[in-house]
Amino acid sequence: MNREEFKTSLAQNEPPDGLSAPLQALWWDAKQDWTRAHALVDELETTGGMAVHAYLHRKGGQPSNADYWYERAGRRFYQPTLEEEWQALVEGLLSGTDEG
């Protein structure tokens, strides 16, 4: 699956089969369901899971919590637009650059 296919799948009611938990979280986030997205990565101890967790807390207006998760993921509290960060996370997880 590539980024365009991932974005096209947002027209469906459920995420495609076979997506990792971090990708499912980003899928639900794009569907405006922050709570469901957060539940998928809340206790996920992978680099990709922690990076998505950080993004969700940043989006949720909790910068100190986001900073904690960025640090756990080995990342700086980088501040591109939320859309740019979402796209970078999706691309990294789909390509295997980020560990799911």
C-alpha atoms as a PDB file:
ATOM      1  CA  MET A   1       0.000   0.000   0.000  1.00  0.00           C
ATOM      2  CA  ASN A   2       1.239   3.505  -0.754  1.00  0.00           C
ATOM      3  CA  ARG A   3       0.226   6.870   0.707  1.00  0.00           C
ATOM      4  CA  GLU A   4      -2.390   7.545  -1.981  1.00  0.00           C
ATOM      5  CA  GLU A   5      -4.026   4.148  -1.449  1.00  0.00           C
ATOM      6  CA  PHE A   6      -3.967   4.793   2.291  1.00  0.00           C
ATOM      7  CA  LYS A   7      -5.656   8.174   1.805  1.00  0.00           C
ATOM      8  CA  THR A   8      -8.220   6.664  -0.574  1.00  0.00           C
ATOM      9  CA  SER A   9      -9.081   4.055   2.071  1.00  0.00           C
ATOM     10  CA  LEU A  10     -10.340   6.877   4.292  1.00  0.00           C
ATOM     11  CA  ALA A  11     -13.582   6.786   2.305  1.00  0.00           C
ATOM     12  CA  GLN A  12     -14.330   3.409   3.931  1.00  0.00           C
ATOM     13  CA  ASN A  13     -15.916   2.859   7.354  1.00  0.00           C
ATOM     14  CA  GLU A  14     -13.072   0.684   8.670  1.00  0.00           C
ATOM     15  CA  PRO A  15      -9.324   0.695   8.056  1.00  0.00           C
ATOM     16  CA  PRO A  16      -7.934  -1.805   5.551  1.00  0.00           C
ATOM     17  CA  ASP A  17      -6.869  -5.202   6.875  1.00  0.00           C
ATOM     18  CA  GLY A  18      -3.218  -5.678   7.654  1.00  0.00           C
ATOM     19  CA  LEU A  19      -2.370  -2.160   8.845  1.00  0.00           C
ATOM     20  CA  SER A  20      -0.074  -1.883  11.842  1.00  0.00           C
ATOM     21  CA  ALA A  21      -1.496  -0.312  15.003  1.00  0.00           C
ATOM     22  CA  PRO A  22       0.296   3.026  14.359  1.00  0.00           C
ATOM     23  CA  LEU A  23      -1.119   3.176  10.816  1.00  0.00           C
ATOM     24  CA  GLN A  24      -4.580   2.297  12.110  1.00  0.00           C
ATOM     25  CA  ALA A  25      -4.203   5.123  14.636  1.00  0.00           C
ATOM     26  CA  LEU A  26      -3.328   7.598  11.883  1.00  0.00           C
ATOM     27  CA  TRP A  27      -6.267   6.280   9.855  1.00  0.00           C
ATOM     28  CA  TRP A  28      -8.679   6.896  12.755  1.00  0.00           C
ATOM     29  CA  ASP A  29      -7.082  10.284  13.408  1.00  0.00           C
ATOM     30  CA  ALA A  30      -7.805  11.269   9.805  1.00  0.00           C
ATOM     31  CA  LYS A  31     -11.417  10.207  10.411  1.00  0.00           C
ATOM     32  CA  GLN A  32     -11.528  12.658  13.354  1.00  0.00           C
ATOM     33  CA  ASP A  33     -11.624   9.920  16.017  1.00  0.00           C
ATOM     34  CA  TRP A  34      -8.748  10.980  18.292  1.00  0.00           C
ATOM     35  CA  THR A  35      -9.895   8.751  21.152  1.00  0.00           C
ATOM     36  CA  ARG A  36      -9.873   5.593  19.050  1.00  0.00           C
ATOM     37  CA  ALA A  37      -6.546   6.582  17.489  1.00  0.00           C
ATOM     38  CA  HIS A  38      -4.981   7.197  20.893  1.00  0.00           C
ATOM     39  CA  ALA A  39      -6.233   3.876  22.280  1.00  0.00           C
ATOM     40  CA  LEU A  40      -4.311   2.042  19.550  1.00  0.00           C
ATOM     41  CA  VAL A  41      -0.935   3.519  20.514  1.00  0.00           C
ATOM     42  CA  ASP A  42      -1.464   4.375  24.181  1.00  0.00           C
ATOM     43  CA  GLU A  43       0.727   1.550  25.447  1.00  0.00           C
ATOM     44  CA  LEU A  44       2.557   0.615  22.265  1.00  0.00           C
ATOM     45  CA  GLU A  45       6.301   0.491  22.904  1.00  0.00           C
ATOM     46  CA  THR A  46       7.550   0.626  19.301  1.00  0.00           C
ATOM     47  CA  THR A  47       9.317   3.580  17.737  1.00  0.00           C
ATOM     48  CA  GLY A  48       6.482   4.119  15.262  1.00  0.00           C
ATOM     49  CA  GLY A  49       3.835   3.736  17.954  1.00  0.00           C
ATOM     50  CA  MET A  50       5.537   6.259  20.221  1.00  0.00           C
ATOM     51  CA  ALA A  51       5.997   8.716  17.317  1.00  0.00           C
ATOM     52  CA  VAL A  52       2.274   8.516  16.479  1.00  0.00           C
ATOM     53  CA  HIS A  53       1.456   8.824  20.194  1.00  0.00           C
ATOM     54  CA  ALA A  54       3.539  12.029  20.312  1.00  0.00           C
ATOM     55  CA  TYR A  55       1.800  13.405  17.224  1.00  0.00           C
ATOM     56  CA  LEU A  56      -1.633  12.705  18.735  1.00  0.00           C
ATOM     57  CA  HIS A  57      -0.795  14.517  21.967  1.00  0.00           C
ATOM     58  CA  ARG A  58       0.607  17.438  19.991  1.00  0.00           C
ATOM     59  CA  LYS A  59      -2.598  17.556  17.970  1.00  0.00           C
ATOM     60  CA  GLY A  60      -4.626  17.256  21.165  1.00  0.00           C
ATOM     61  CA  GLY A  61      -2.981  20.398  22.562  1.00  0.00           C
ATOM     62  CA  GLN A  62      -0.804  18.618  25.126  1.00  0.00           C
ATOM     63  CA  PRO A  63       2.731  19.746  24.241  1.00  0.00           C
ATOM     64  CA  SER A  64       4.448  18.494  27.408  1.00  0.00           C
ATOM     65  CA  ASN A  65       2.961  15.019  26.944  1.00  0.00           C
ATOM     66  CA  ALA A  66       3.862  15.143  23.250  1.00  0.00           C
ATOM     67  CA  ASP A  67       7.428  16.107  24.121  1.00  0.00           C
ATOM     68  CA  TYR A  68       7.700  13.100  26.433  1.00  0.00           C
ATOM     69  CA  TRP A  69       6.607  10.735  23.642  1.00  0.00           C
ATOM     70  CA  TYR A  70       8.824  12.399  21.026  1.00  0.00           C
ATOM     71  CA  GLU A  71      11.758  11.820  23.365  1.00  0.00           C
ATOM     72  CA  ARG A  72      10.754   8.186  23.921  1.00  0.00           C
ATOM     73  CA  ALA A  73      10.579   7.738  20.140  1.00  0.00           C
ATOM     74  CA  GLY A  74      14.064   9.229  19.807  1.00  0.00           C
ATOM     75  CA  ARG A  75      12.801  12.336  18.056  1.00  0.00           C
ATOM     76  CA  ARG A  76      12.914  16.028  18.693  1.00  0.00           C
ATOM     77  CA  PHE A  77       9.738  17.993  19.258  1.00  0.00           C
ATOM     78  CA  TYR A  78       9.732  18.932  15.576  1.00  0.00           C
ATOM     79  CA  GLN A  79       7.016  21.356  14.563  1.00  0.00           C
ATOM     80  CA  PRO A  80       5.998  20.989  10.931  1.00  0.00           C
ATOM     81  CA  THR A  81       2.312  21.504  10.302  1.00  0.00           C
ATOM     82  CA  LEU A  82       0.169  18.713  11.698  1.00  0.00           C
ATOM     83  CA  GLU A  83      -0.702  17.696   8.126  1.00  0.00           C
ATOM     84  CA  GLU A  84       2.983  17.478   7.166  1.00  0.00           C
ATOM     85  CA  GLU A  85       3.742  15.417  10.254  1.00  0.00           C
ATOM     86  CA  TRP A  86       0.772  13.092   9.571  1.00  0.00           C
ATOM     87  CA  GLN A  87       1.956  12.552   5.987  1.00  0.00           C
ATOM     88  CA  ALA A  88       5.559  11.916   7.065  1.00  0.00           C
ATOM     89  CA  LEU A  89       4.421   9.379   9.660  1.00  0.00           C
ATOM     90  CA  VAL A  90       2.193   7.565   7.157  1.00  0.00           C
ATOM     91  CA  GLU A  91       4.972   7.450   4.564  1.00  0.00           C
ATOM     92  CA  GLY A  92       7.560   6.262   7.100  1.00  0.00           C
ATOM     93  CA  LEU A  93       5.318   3.521   8.450  1.00  0.00           C
ATOM     94  CA  LEU A  94       4.227   2.342   4.998  1.00  0.00           C
ATOM     95  CA  SER A  95       7.801   2.215   3.751  1.00  0.00           C
ATOM     96  CA  GLY A  96       9.105   0.501   6.859  1.00  0.00           C
ATOM     97  CA  THR A  97      11.339   3.453   7.759  1.00  0.00           C
ATOM     98  CA  ASP A  98       9.512   3.756  11.077  1.00  0.00           C
ATOM     99  CA  GLU A  99       9.065   0.638  13.120  1.00  0.00           C
ATOM    100  CA  GLY A 100       5.382  -0.134  13.628  1.00  0.00           C
END
